[in-house]
Amino acid sequence: MVLASRFLRVTQPPMEGPDVTAVQRRLIALRLYTGPFDGVYTQATAQAVMAFQQNSGLVANGIVGPATWTALGFENVPWGGGRWHITIDTLRNLLALYDQNRLSATYPVATGKPSTPTPLGDWVIIEKTLRPGGPFGAAWMRLSVPNGGYGIHGTNDPASIGRSVTHGCVRMRDEDVTRLYNTVPIGTLVTVTGQVFTSRILHRYVPPGPDVRQLQQMLRALGFYRGPVDGVYGAETEAAVRAFQQSRRLTPDGVVGPQTAQALQSAYDIQLGDVQP
């Protein structure tokens, strides 16, 4: 429903990783954060995020989602050509490495699920971190996607490789991502191809579809909907959307546009305790 990497927020145990480090680094540069530069999303980090959100005219909830990622305005590393080129096919879940336009290696990967797809397009590697650990595995390479903390990284769940199950990041086996990390430099071009997942604006009279069914499932999990999960956007679904919007101080118009979709995805992640990249 919405393009989003994992939503950074205060959890117990706290969320950790290079995406948190990137946020802390930016907040330090903006003189909003003076805590430890450790990649741990603590209450102090959340307070600095809320200060930034207030200054930027965003909802000050301490949750780093697409709007906050974009507003943070990370500087990109320009692509200036180079020897290496990475392509990622999200349909086949396959990463290919090219050396001066000749295929050098291929690796199976895990990519984003339809509700949180891996962003298609041409990006560059803007940051590299060795041994971030946890769900990021043996190595992390951040991509220049402006509205999220997307990257190519290792995993502590090798069984997920080959599947479309992530929050938009590209997972590799630790031994594979280590080889890639040791080969490609910052500035390497990464081309992501595959199916374009377009999000309809959902409202009372849209035709039935799997996106409406997913909306109903999310609203049910959040306690706003008790009707059938049938993909039909009827009066009961609309009433549940309005109730959710009111709970988040959004305009209660019963229409699921980008702002409501992002709020739903964030609330759903929190409800499920989903902290995987």
C-alpha atoms as a PDB file:
ATOM      1  CA  MET A   1       0.000   0.000   0.000  1.00  0.00           C
ATOM      2  CA  VAL A   2       2.876   2.387   0.662  1.00  0.00           C
ATOM      3  CA  LEU A   3       6.515   2.501  -0.272  1.00  0.00           C
ATOM      4  CA  ALA A   4       8.390   2.323   3.023  1.00  0.00           C
ATOM      5  CA  SER A   5      11.428   0.777   4.550  1.00  0.00           C
ATOM      6  CA  ARG A   6      11.102  -0.251   8.187  1.00  0.00           C
ATOM      7  CA  PHE A   7       9.697   2.451  10.455  1.00  0.00           C
ATOM      8  CA  LEU A   8      12.336   3.456  13.003  1.00  0.00           C
ATOM      9  CA  ARG A   9      10.861   3.932  16.447  1.00  0.00           C
ATOM     10  CA  VAL A  10      11.351   3.222  20.145  1.00  0.00           C
ATOM     11  CA  THR A  11      10.906  -0.494  20.837  1.00  0.00           C
ATOM     12  CA  GLN A  12      11.922  -2.953  23.515  1.00  0.00           C
ATOM     13  CA  PRO A  13      14.562  -4.199  22.916  1.00  0.00           C
ATOM     14  CA  PRO A  14      15.591  -1.110  20.922  1.00  0.00           C
ATOM     15  CA  MET A  15      15.914  -1.157  17.156  1.00  0.00           C
ATOM     16  CA  GLU A  16      19.523  -1.202  16.027  1.00  0.00           C
ATOM     17  CA  GLY A  17      21.294  -0.930  12.699  1.00  0.00           C
ATOM     18  CA  PRO A  18      23.053   1.234  10.143  1.00  0.00           C
ATOM     19  CA  ASP A  19      19.775   2.928   9.195  1.00  0.00           C
ATOM     20  CA  VAL A  20      19.547   4.220  12.774  1.00  0.00           C
ATOM     21  CA  THR A  21      23.190   5.316  12.555  1.00  0.00           C
ATOM     22  CA  ALA A  22      22.399   7.301   9.397  1.00  0.00           C
ATOM     23  CA  VAL A  23      19.569   9.129  11.159  1.00  0.00           C
ATOM     24  CA  GLN A  24      21.731   9.890  14.201  1.00  0.00           C
ATOM     25  CA  ARG A  25      24.539  11.178  11.990  1.00  0.00           C
ATOM     26  CA  ARG A  26      22.148  13.535  10.196  1.00  0.00           C
ATOM     27  CA  LEU A  27      20.607  14.757  13.456  1.00  0.00           C
ATOM     28  CA  ILE A  28      24.070  15.465  14.855  1.00  0.00           C
ATOM     29  CA  ALA A  29      24.870  17.524  11.747  1.00  0.00           C
ATOM     30  CA  LEU A  30      21.630  19.443  12.304  1.00  0.00           C
ATOM     31  CA  ARG A  31      22.615  20.008  15.979  1.00  0.00           C
ATOM     32  CA  LEU A  32      19.500  18.280  17.239  1.00  0.00           C
ATOM     33  CA  TYR A  33      21.133  15.220  18.789  1.00  0.00           C
ATOM     34  CA  THR A  34      24.016  15.029  21.241  1.00  0.00           C
ATOM     35  CA  GLY A  35      23.694  11.429  22.383  1.00  0.00           C
ATOM     36  CA  PRO A  36      25.906   8.466  21.509  1.00  0.00           C
ATOM     37  CA  PHE A  37      26.479   7.762  17.826  1.00  0.00           C
ATOM     38  CA  ASP A  38      25.810   4.043  18.244  1.00  0.00           C
ATOM     39  CA  GLY A  39      23.036   2.979  15.867  1.00  0.00           C
ATOM     40  CA  VAL A  40      20.589   2.289  18.729  1.00  0.00           C
ATOM     41  CA  TYR A  41      17.166   3.936  18.476  1.00  0.00           C
ATOM     42  CA  THR A  42      16.749   5.152  22.038  1.00  0.00           C
ATOM     43  CA  GLN A  43      14.328   7.627  23.566  1.00  0.00           C
ATOM     44  CA  ALA A  44      16.998  10.323  23.168  1.00  0.00           C
ATOM     45  CA  THR A  45      17.129   9.622  19.432  1.00  0.00           C
ATOM     46  CA  ALA A  46      13.336   9.732  19.239  1.00  0.00           C
ATOM     47  CA  GLN A  47      13.289  13.089  21.048  1.00  0.00           C
ATOM     48  CA  ALA A  48      15.739  14.503  18.510  1.00  0.00           C
ATOM     49  CA  VAL A  49      13.602  13.112  15.681  1.00  0.00           C
ATOM     50  CA  MET A  50      10.522  14.768  17.170  1.00  0.00           C
ATOM     51  CA  ALA A  51      12.356  18.099  17.374  1.00  0.00           C
ATOM     52  CA  PHE A  52      13.306  17.737  13.710  1.00  0.00           C
ATOM     53  CA  GLN A  53       9.742  16.798  12.773  1.00  0.00           C
ATOM     54  CA  GLN A  54       8.351  19.832  14.602  1.00  0.00           C
ATOM     55  CA  ASN A  55      10.861  22.105  12.844  1.00  0.00           C
ATOM     56  CA  SER A  56       9.901  20.560   9.492  1.00  0.00           C
ATOM     57  CA  GLY A  57       6.133  20.803   9.896  1.00  0.00           C
ATOM     58  CA  LEU A  58       5.707  17.023  10.173  1.00  0.00           C
ATOM     59  CA  VAL A  59       3.713  15.006  12.689  1.00  0.00           C
ATOM     60  CA  ALA A  60       6.036  14.899  15.698  1.00  0.00           C
ATOM     61  CA  ASN A  61       5.662  11.244  16.666  1.00  0.00           C
ATOM     62  CA  GLY A  62       9.319  10.193  16.813  1.00  0.00           C
ATOM     63  CA  ILE A  63       8.769   7.598  14.065  1.00  0.00           C
ATOM     64  CA  VAL A  64      11.071   7.777  11.044  1.00  0.00           C
ATOM     65  CA  GLY A  65       8.917   6.930   8.023  1.00  0.00           C
ATOM     66  CA  PRO A  66       9.050   8.017   4.357  1.00  0.00           C
ATOM     67  CA  ALA A  67       8.180  11.683   4.973  1.00  0.00           C
ATOM     68  CA  THR A  68      10.813  12.064   7.689  1.00  0.00           C
ATOM     69  CA  TRP A  69      13.461  10.229   5.644  1.00  0.00           C
ATOM     70  CA  THR A  70      12.804  12.584   2.732  1.00  0.00           C
ATOM     71  CA  ALA A  71      12.846  15.699   4.915  1.00  0.00           C
ATOM     72  CA  LEU A  72      16.156  14.695   6.514  1.00  0.00           C
ATOM     73  CA  GLY A  73      17.678  15.338   3.110  1.00  0.00           C
ATOM     74  CA  PHE A  74      20.594  12.922   3.032  1.00  0.00           C
ATOM     75  CA  GLU A  75      23.327  13.879   0.616  1.00  0.00           C
ATOM     76  CA  ASN A  76      23.733  11.433  -2.242  1.00  0.00           C
ATOM     77  CA  VAL A  77      27.003  10.222  -3.681  1.00  0.00           C
ATOM     78  CA  PRO A  78      26.909  10.903  -7.442  1.00  0.00           C
ATOM     79  CA  TRP A  79      27.581   8.095  -9.855  1.00  0.00           C
ATOM     80  CA  GLY A  80      30.556   8.934 -11.988  1.00  0.00           C
ATOM     81  CA  GLY A  81      30.842   5.773 -14.007  1.00  0.00           C
ATOM     82  CA  GLY A  82      33.092   3.016 -12.810  1.00  0.00           C
ATOM     83  CA  ARG A  83      34.025  -0.568 -13.295  1.00  0.00           C
ATOM     84  CA  TRP A  84      31.154  -2.228 -11.438  1.00  0.00           C
ATOM     85  CA  HIS A  85      27.403  -2.296 -11.981  1.00  0.00           C
ATOM     86  CA  ILE A  86      24.859  -4.173  -9.862  1.00  0.00           C
ATOM     87  CA  THR A  87      21.428  -5.169 -11.178  1.00  0.00           C
ATOM     88  CA  ILE A  88      18.634  -6.569  -9.012  1.00  0.00           C
ATOM     89  CA  ASP A  89      15.685  -8.403 -10.569  1.00  0.00           C
ATOM     90  CA  THR A  90      12.864  -8.356  -8.017  1.00  0.00           C
ATOM     91  CA  LEU A  91      10.769 -10.781 -10.088  1.00  0.00           C
ATOM     92  CA  ARG A  92      13.408 -13.511 -10.013  1.00  0.00           C
ATOM     93  CA  ASN A  93      14.990 -12.351  -6.721  1.00  0.00           C
ATOM     94  CA  LEU A  94      18.383 -12.331  -8.355  1.00  0.00           C
ATOM     95  CA  LEU A  95      21.316  -9.926  -8.013  1.00  0.00           C
ATOM     96  CA  ALA A  96      23.866  -9.761 -10.840  1.00  0.00           C
ATOM     97  CA  LEU A  97      27.284  -8.128 -10.658  1.00  0.00           C
ATOM     98  CA  TYR A  98      28.854  -6.813 -13.852  1.00  0.00           C
ATOM     99  CA  ASP A  99      32.531  -6.025 -14.317  1.00  0.00           C
ATOM    100  CA  GLN A 100      32.937  -3.536 -17.178  1.00  0.00           C
ATOM    101  CA  ASN A 101      29.605  -4.724 -18.637  1.00  0.00           C
ATOM    102  CA  ARG A 102      30.535  -8.402 -18.401  1.00  0.00           C
ATOM    103  CA  LEU A 103      28.630 -10.651 -16.030  1.00  0.00           C
ATOM    104  CA  SER A 104      30.901 -11.474 -13.108  1.00  0.00           C
ATOM    105  CA  ALA A 105      28.600 -13.194 -10.571  1.00  0.00           C
ATOM    106  CA  THR A 106      24.969 -13.804  -9.658  1.00  0.00           C
ATOM    107  CA  TYR A 107      23.455 -14.240  -6.206  1.00  0.00           C
ATOM    108  CA  PRO A 108      19.987 -15.169  -4.950  1.00  0.00           C
ATOM    109  CA  VAL A 109      18.427 -12.456  -2.817  1.00  0.00           C
ATOM    110  CA  ALA A 110      15.285 -11.631  -0.877  1.00  0.00           C
ATOM    111  CA  THR A 111      13.408  -8.496  -1.942  1.00  0.00           C
ATOM    112  CA  GLY A 112      10.401  -6.485  -0.787  1.00  0.00           C
ATOM    113  CA  LYS A 113       6.930  -7.904  -0.433  1.00  0.00           C
ATOM    114  CA  PRO A 114       4.151  -6.254  -2.501  1.00  0.00           C
ATOM    115  CA  SER A 115       3.033  -3.997   0.367  1.00  0.00           C
ATOM    116  CA  THR A 116       6.610  -2.765   0.962  1.00  0.00           C
ATOM    117  CA  PRO A 117       8.373  -3.295  -2.383  1.00  0.00           C
ATOM    118  CA  THR A 118      12.009  -2.712  -3.179  1.00  0.00           C
ATOM    119  CA  PRO A 119      12.116   0.668  -4.978  1.00  0.00           C
ATOM    120  CA  LEU A 120      12.691   0.297  -8.714  1.00  0.00           C
ATOM    121  CA  GLY A 121      15.133   2.573 -10.500  1.00  0.00           C
ATOM    122  CA  ASP A 122      18.795   3.523 -10.710  1.00  0.00           C
ATOM    123  CA  TRP A 123      20.480   4.178  -7.362  1.00  0.00           C
ATOM    124  CA  VAL A 124      24.030   4.342  -6.096  1.00  0.00           C
ATOM    125  CA  ILE A 125      25.675   2.923  -2.999  1.00  0.00           C
ATOM    126  CA  ILE A 126      26.162   5.852  -0.631  1.00  0.00           C
ATOM    127  CA  GLU A 127      27.349   4.126   2.547  1.00  0.00           C
ATOM    128  CA  LYS A 128      29.038   0.882   3.578  1.00  0.00           C
ATOM    129  CA  THR A 129      29.171  -0.717   7.017  1.00  0.00           C
ATOM    130  CA  LEU A 130      30.928  -3.971   7.885  1.00  0.00           C
ATOM    131  CA  ARG A 131      29.446  -6.374  10.435  1.00  0.00           C
ATOM    132  CA  PRO A 132      26.354  -4.368  11.470  1.00  0.00           C
ATOM    133  CA  GLY A 133      24.946  -7.603  12.925  1.00  0.00           C
ATOM    134  CA  GLY A 134      21.406  -8.653  13.803  1.00  0.00           C
ATOM    135  CA  PRO A 135      18.996  -8.637  10.856  1.00  0.00           C
ATOM    136  CA  PHE A 136      21.621  -6.805   8.759  1.00  0.00           C
ATOM    137  CA  GLY A 137      24.076  -9.685   8.945  1.00  0.00           C
ATOM    138  CA  ALA A 138      27.687  -9.417   7.841  1.00  0.00           C
ATOM    139  CA  ALA A 139      27.585  -6.197   5.801  1.00  0.00           C
ATOM    140  CA  TRP A 140      25.384  -3.258   4.800  1.00  0.00           C
ATOM    141  CA  MET A 141      25.429  -1.053   1.701  1.00  0.00           C
ATOM    142  CA  ARG A 142      22.929   1.799   1.774  1.00  0.00           C
ATOM    143  CA  LEU A 143      21.242   2.927  -1.440  1.00  0.00           C
ATOM    144  CA  SER A 144      20.456   6.504  -2.456  1.00  0.00           C
ATOM    145  CA  VAL A 145      16.675   6.074  -2.191  1.00  0.00           C
ATOM    146  CA  PRO A 146      15.523   9.365  -0.632  1.00  0.00           C
ATOM    147  CA  ASN A 147      12.427   8.238   1.266  1.00  0.00           C
ATOM    148  CA  GLY A 148      13.723   5.324   3.305  1.00  0.00           C
ATOM    149  CA  GLY A 149      16.640   3.452   4.779  1.00  0.00           C
ATOM    150  CA  TYR A 150      17.001   0.950   1.961  1.00  0.00           C
ATOM    151  CA  GLY A 151      20.106  -1.125   1.417  1.00  0.00           C
ATOM    152  CA  ILE A 152      21.741  -4.360   0.331  1.00  0.00           C
ATOM    153  CA  HIS A 153      22.688  -6.352   3.405  1.00  0.00           C
ATOM    154  CA  GLY A 154      23.258  -9.733   4.995  1.00  0.00           C
ATOM    155  CA  THR A 155      20.711 -11.525   7.130  1.00  0.00           C
ATOM    156  CA  ASN A 156      20.171 -13.613  10.229  1.00  0.00           C
ATOM    157  CA  ASP A 157      17.352 -15.389   8.371  1.00  0.00           C
ATOM    158  CA  PRO A 158      18.978 -17.202   5.430  1.00  0.00           C
ATOM    159  CA  ALA A 159      15.753 -19.154   4.802  1.00  0.00           C
ATOM    160  CA  SER A 160      14.213 -15.918   3.479  1.00  0.00           C
ATOM    161  CA  ILE A 161      16.630 -15.753   0.536  1.00  0.00           C
ATOM    162  CA  GLY A 162      14.867 -16.221  -2.792  1.00  0.00           C
ATOM    163  CA  ARG A 163      11.564 -14.850  -1.516  1.00  0.00           C
ATOM    164  CA  SER A 164       9.744 -11.502  -1.663  1.00  0.00           C
ATOM    165  CA  VAL A 165       9.397 -10.914   2.074  1.00  0.00           C
ATOM    166  CA  THR A 166      11.431  -7.876   3.128  1.00  0.00           C
ATOM    167  CA  HIS A 167      10.507  -4.335   4.095  1.00  0.00           C
ATOM    168  CA  GLY A 168      12.073  -3.173   0.828  1.00  0.00           C
ATOM    169  CA  CYS A 169      15.732  -3.933   1.479  1.00  0.00           C
ATOM    170  CA  VAL A 170      17.676  -6.535  -0.512  1.00  0.00           C
ATOM    171  CA  ARG A 171      18.906  -9.418   1.644  1.00  0.00           C
ATOM    172  CA  MET A 172      21.800 -11.679   0.743  1.00  0.00           C
ATOM    173  CA  ARG A 173      23.446 -14.639   2.394  1.00  0.00           C
ATOM    174  CA  ASP A 174      26.226 -13.408   4.640  1.00  0.00           C
ATOM    175  CA  GLU A 175      28.969 -15.075   2.612  1.00  0.00           C
ATOM    176  CA  ASP A 176      27.578 -13.521  -0.592  1.00  0.00           C
ATOM    177  CA  VAL A 177      27.157 -10.007   0.769  1.00  0.00           C
ATOM    178  CA  THR A 178      30.685 -10.137   2.181  1.00  0.00           C
ATOM    179  CA  ARG A 179      32.067 -10.897  -1.297  1.00  0.00           C
ATOM    180  CA  LEU A 180      30.019  -8.083  -2.792  1.00  0.00           C
ATOM    181  CA  TYR A 181      30.997  -5.650  -0.035  1.00  0.00           C
ATOM    182  CA  ASN A 182      34.682  -6.382  -0.603  1.00  0.00           C
ATOM    183  CA  THR A 183      34.305  -5.867  -4.359  1.00  0.00           C
ATOM    184  CA  VAL A 184      32.222  -2.758  -5.018  1.00  0.00           C
ATOM    185  CA  PRO A 185      33.030   0.783  -3.804  1.00  0.00           C
ATOM    186  CA  ILE A 186      30.785   3.618  -2.696  1.00  0.00           C
ATOM    187  CA  GLY A 187      29.306   5.221  -5.809  1.00  0.00           C
ATOM    188  CA  THR A 188      28.565   1.899  -7.541  1.00  0.00           C
ATOM    189  CA  LEU A 189      25.459   2.034  -9.738  1.00  0.00           C
ATOM    190  CA  VAL A 190      22.602  -0.262  -8.642  1.00  0.00           C
ATOM    191  CA  THR A 191      19.722  -0.824 -11.066  1.00  0.00           C
ATOM    192  CA  VAL A 192      16.556  -2.366  -9.602  1.00  0.00           C
ATOM    193  CA  THR A 193      14.002  -3.801 -12.023  1.00  0.00           C
ATOM    194  CA  GLY A 194      10.780  -5.756 -11.664  1.00  0.00           C
ATOM    195  CA  GLN A 195       7.054  -5.306 -11.306  1.00  0.00           C
ATOM    196  CA  VAL A 196       5.772  -1.825 -10.544  1.00  0.00           C
ATOM    197  CA  PHE A 197       3.397  -1.935  -7.594  1.00  0.00           C
ATOM    198  CA  THR A 198       1.023   1.000  -7.985  1.00  0.00           C
ATOM    199  CA  SER A 199      -1.186   2.007  -5.072  1.00  0.00           C
ATOM    200  CA  ARG A 200      -4.749   3.015  -5.820  1.00  0.00           C
ATOM    201  CA  ILE A 201      -6.406   5.677  -3.767  1.00  0.00           C
ATOM    202  CA  LEU A 202      -8.990   3.574  -1.964  1.00  0.00           C
ATOM    203  CA  HIS A 203     -12.507   4.866  -1.315  1.00  0.00           C
ATOM    204  CA  ARG A 204     -16.088   3.688  -1.002  1.00  0.00           C
ATOM    205  CA  TYR A 205     -16.725   2.966  -4.659  1.00  0.00           C
ATOM    206  CA  VAL A 206     -13.460   1.497  -5.958  1.00  0.00           C
ATOM    207  CA  PRO A 207     -13.778  -1.935  -7.554  1.00  0.00           C
ATOM    208  CA  PRO A 208     -12.953  -4.885  -5.270  1.00  0.00           C
ATOM    209  CA  GLY A 209      -9.338  -5.965  -5.151  1.00  0.00           C
ATOM    210  CA  PRO A 210      -6.506  -7.463  -3.123  1.00  0.00           C
ATOM    211  CA  ASP A 211      -5.404  -4.002  -1.960  1.00  0.00           C
ATOM    212  CA  VAL A 212      -8.793  -3.524  -0.290  1.00  0.00           C
ATOM    213  CA  ARG A 213      -8.481  -6.975   1.256  1.00  0.00           C
ATOM    214  CA  GLN A 214      -5.092  -6.036   2.650  1.00  0.00           C
ATOM    215  CA  LEU A 215      -6.556  -2.796   4.002  1.00  0.00           C
ATOM    216  CA  GLN A 216      -9.278  -4.763   5.765  1.00  0.00           C
ATOM    217  CA  GLN A 217      -6.739  -7.166   7.249  1.00  0.00           C
ATOM    218  CA  MET A 218      -4.681  -4.274   8.600  1.00  0.00           C
ATOM    219  CA  LEU A 219      -7.712  -2.509  10.043  1.00  0.00           C
ATOM    220  CA  ARG A 220      -8.850  -5.746  11.673  1.00  0.00           C
ATOM    221  CA  ALA A 221      -5.432  -6.304  13.247  1.00  0.00           C
ATOM    222  CA  LEU A 222      -5.552  -2.736  14.570  1.00  0.00           C
ATOM    223  CA  GLY A 223      -9.007  -3.269  16.077  1.00  0.00           C
ATOM    224  CA  PHE A 224     -10.948  -0.937  13.801  1.00  0.00           C
ATOM    225  CA  TYR A 225     -12.739  -3.462  11.575  1.00  0.00           C
ATOM    226  CA  ARG A 226     -14.845  -6.541  12.322  1.00  0.00           C
ATOM    227  CA  GLY A 227     -16.412  -7.173   8.955  1.00  0.00           C
ATOM    228  CA  PRO A 228     -15.544  -9.722   6.277  1.00  0.00           C
ATOM    229  CA  VAL A 229     -12.116  -9.633   4.629  1.00  0.00           C
ATOM    230  CA  ASP A 230     -13.586  -9.799   1.136  1.00  0.00           C
ATOM    231  CA  GLY A 231     -11.836  -7.021  -0.790  1.00  0.00           C
ATOM    232  CA  VAL A 232     -15.044  -4.974  -1.089  1.00  0.00           C
ATOM    233  CA  TYR A 233     -14.792  -1.358   0.059  1.00  0.00           C
ATOM    234  CA  GLY A 234     -18.258  -1.045   1.569  1.00  0.00           C
ATOM    235  CA  ALA A 235     -19.791   1.099   4.296  1.00  0.00           C
ATOM    236  CA  GLU A 236     -18.217  -0.936   7.108  1.00  0.00           C
ATOM    237  CA  THR A 237     -14.733  -0.604   5.643  1.00  0.00           C
ATOM    238  CA  GLU A 238     -15.229   3.115   5.118  1.00  0.00           C
ATOM    239  CA  ALA A 239     -16.383   3.542   8.727  1.00  0.00           C
ATOM    240  CA  ALA A 240     -13.283   1.682   9.938  1.00  0.00           C
ATOM    241  CA  VAL A 241     -11.029   3.932   7.848  1.00  0.00           C
ATOM    242  CA  ARG A 242     -12.731   7.019   9.267  1.00  0.00           C
ATOM    243  CA  ALA A 243     -12.281   5.730  12.817  1.00  0.00           C
ATOM    244  CA  PHE A 244      -8.598   5.040  12.165  1.00  0.00           C
ATOM    245  CA  GLN A 245      -8.121   8.490  10.643  1.00  0.00           C
ATOM    246  CA  GLN A 246      -9.755  10.134  13.660  1.00  0.00           C
ATOM    247  CA  SER A 247      -7.471   8.178  15.997  1.00  0.00           C
ATOM    248  CA  ARG A 248      -4.451   9.574  14.123  1.00  0.00           C
ATOM    249  CA  ARG A 249      -5.840  13.123  13.798  1.00  0.00           C
ATOM    250  CA  LEU A 250      -6.114  12.809  10.037  1.00  0.00           C
ATOM    251  CA  THR A 251      -8.995  14.185   7.992  1.00  0.00           C
ATOM    252  CA  PRO A 252     -11.719  11.544   8.535  1.00  0.00           C
ATOM    253  CA  ASP A 253     -12.869  11.378   4.927  1.00  0.00           C
ATOM    254  CA  GLY A 254     -12.815   7.583   4.572  1.00  0.00           C
ATOM    255  CA  VAL A 255     -10.337   7.818   1.689  1.00  0.00           C
ATOM    256  CA  VAL A 256      -7.029   5.948   1.859  1.00  0.00           C
ATOM    257  CA  GLY A 257      -4.534   8.226   0.160  1.00  0.00           C
ATOM    258  CA  PRO A 258      -0.762   8.384   0.702  1.00  0.00           C
ATOM    259  CA  GLN A 259      -0.919   9.995   4.156  1.00  0.00           C
ATOM    260  CA  THR A 260      -3.463   7.521   5.538  1.00  0.00           C
ATOM    261  CA  ALA A 261      -1.674   4.593   3.868  1.00  0.00           C
ATOM    262  CA  GLN A 262       1.620   5.571   5.506  1.00  0.00           C
ATOM    263  CA  ALA A 263      -0.045   5.958   8.908  1.00  0.00           C
ATOM    264  CA  LEU A 264      -1.691   2.546   8.496  1.00  0.00           C
ATOM    265  CA  GLN A 265       1.553   0.824   7.552  1.00  0.00           C
ATOM    266  CA  SER A 266       3.348   2.407  10.499  1.00  0.00           C
ATOM    267  CA  ALA A 267       0.601   1.428  12.961  1.00  0.00           C
ATOM    268  CA  TYR A 268       0.449  -2.086  11.502  1.00  0.00           C
ATOM    269  CA  ASP A 269       4.216  -2.571  11.866  1.00  0.00           C
ATOM    270  CA  ILE A 270       4.020  -1.410  15.465  1.00  0.00           C
ATOM    271  CA  GLN A 271       1.070  -3.715  16.159  1.00  0.00           C
ATOM    272  CA  LEU A 272       2.953  -6.711  14.736  1.00  0.00           C
ATOM    273  CA  GLY A 273       6.252  -5.699  16.330  1.00  0.00           C
ATOM    274  CA  ASP A 274       7.848  -5.803  12.876  1.00  0.00           C
ATOM    275  CA  VAL A 275      11.393  -4.423  13.032  1.00  0.00           C
ATOM    276  CA  GLN A 276      12.933  -6.379  10.148  1.00  0.00           C
ATOM    277  CA  PRO A 277      14.530  -4.356   7.306  1.00  0.00           C
END
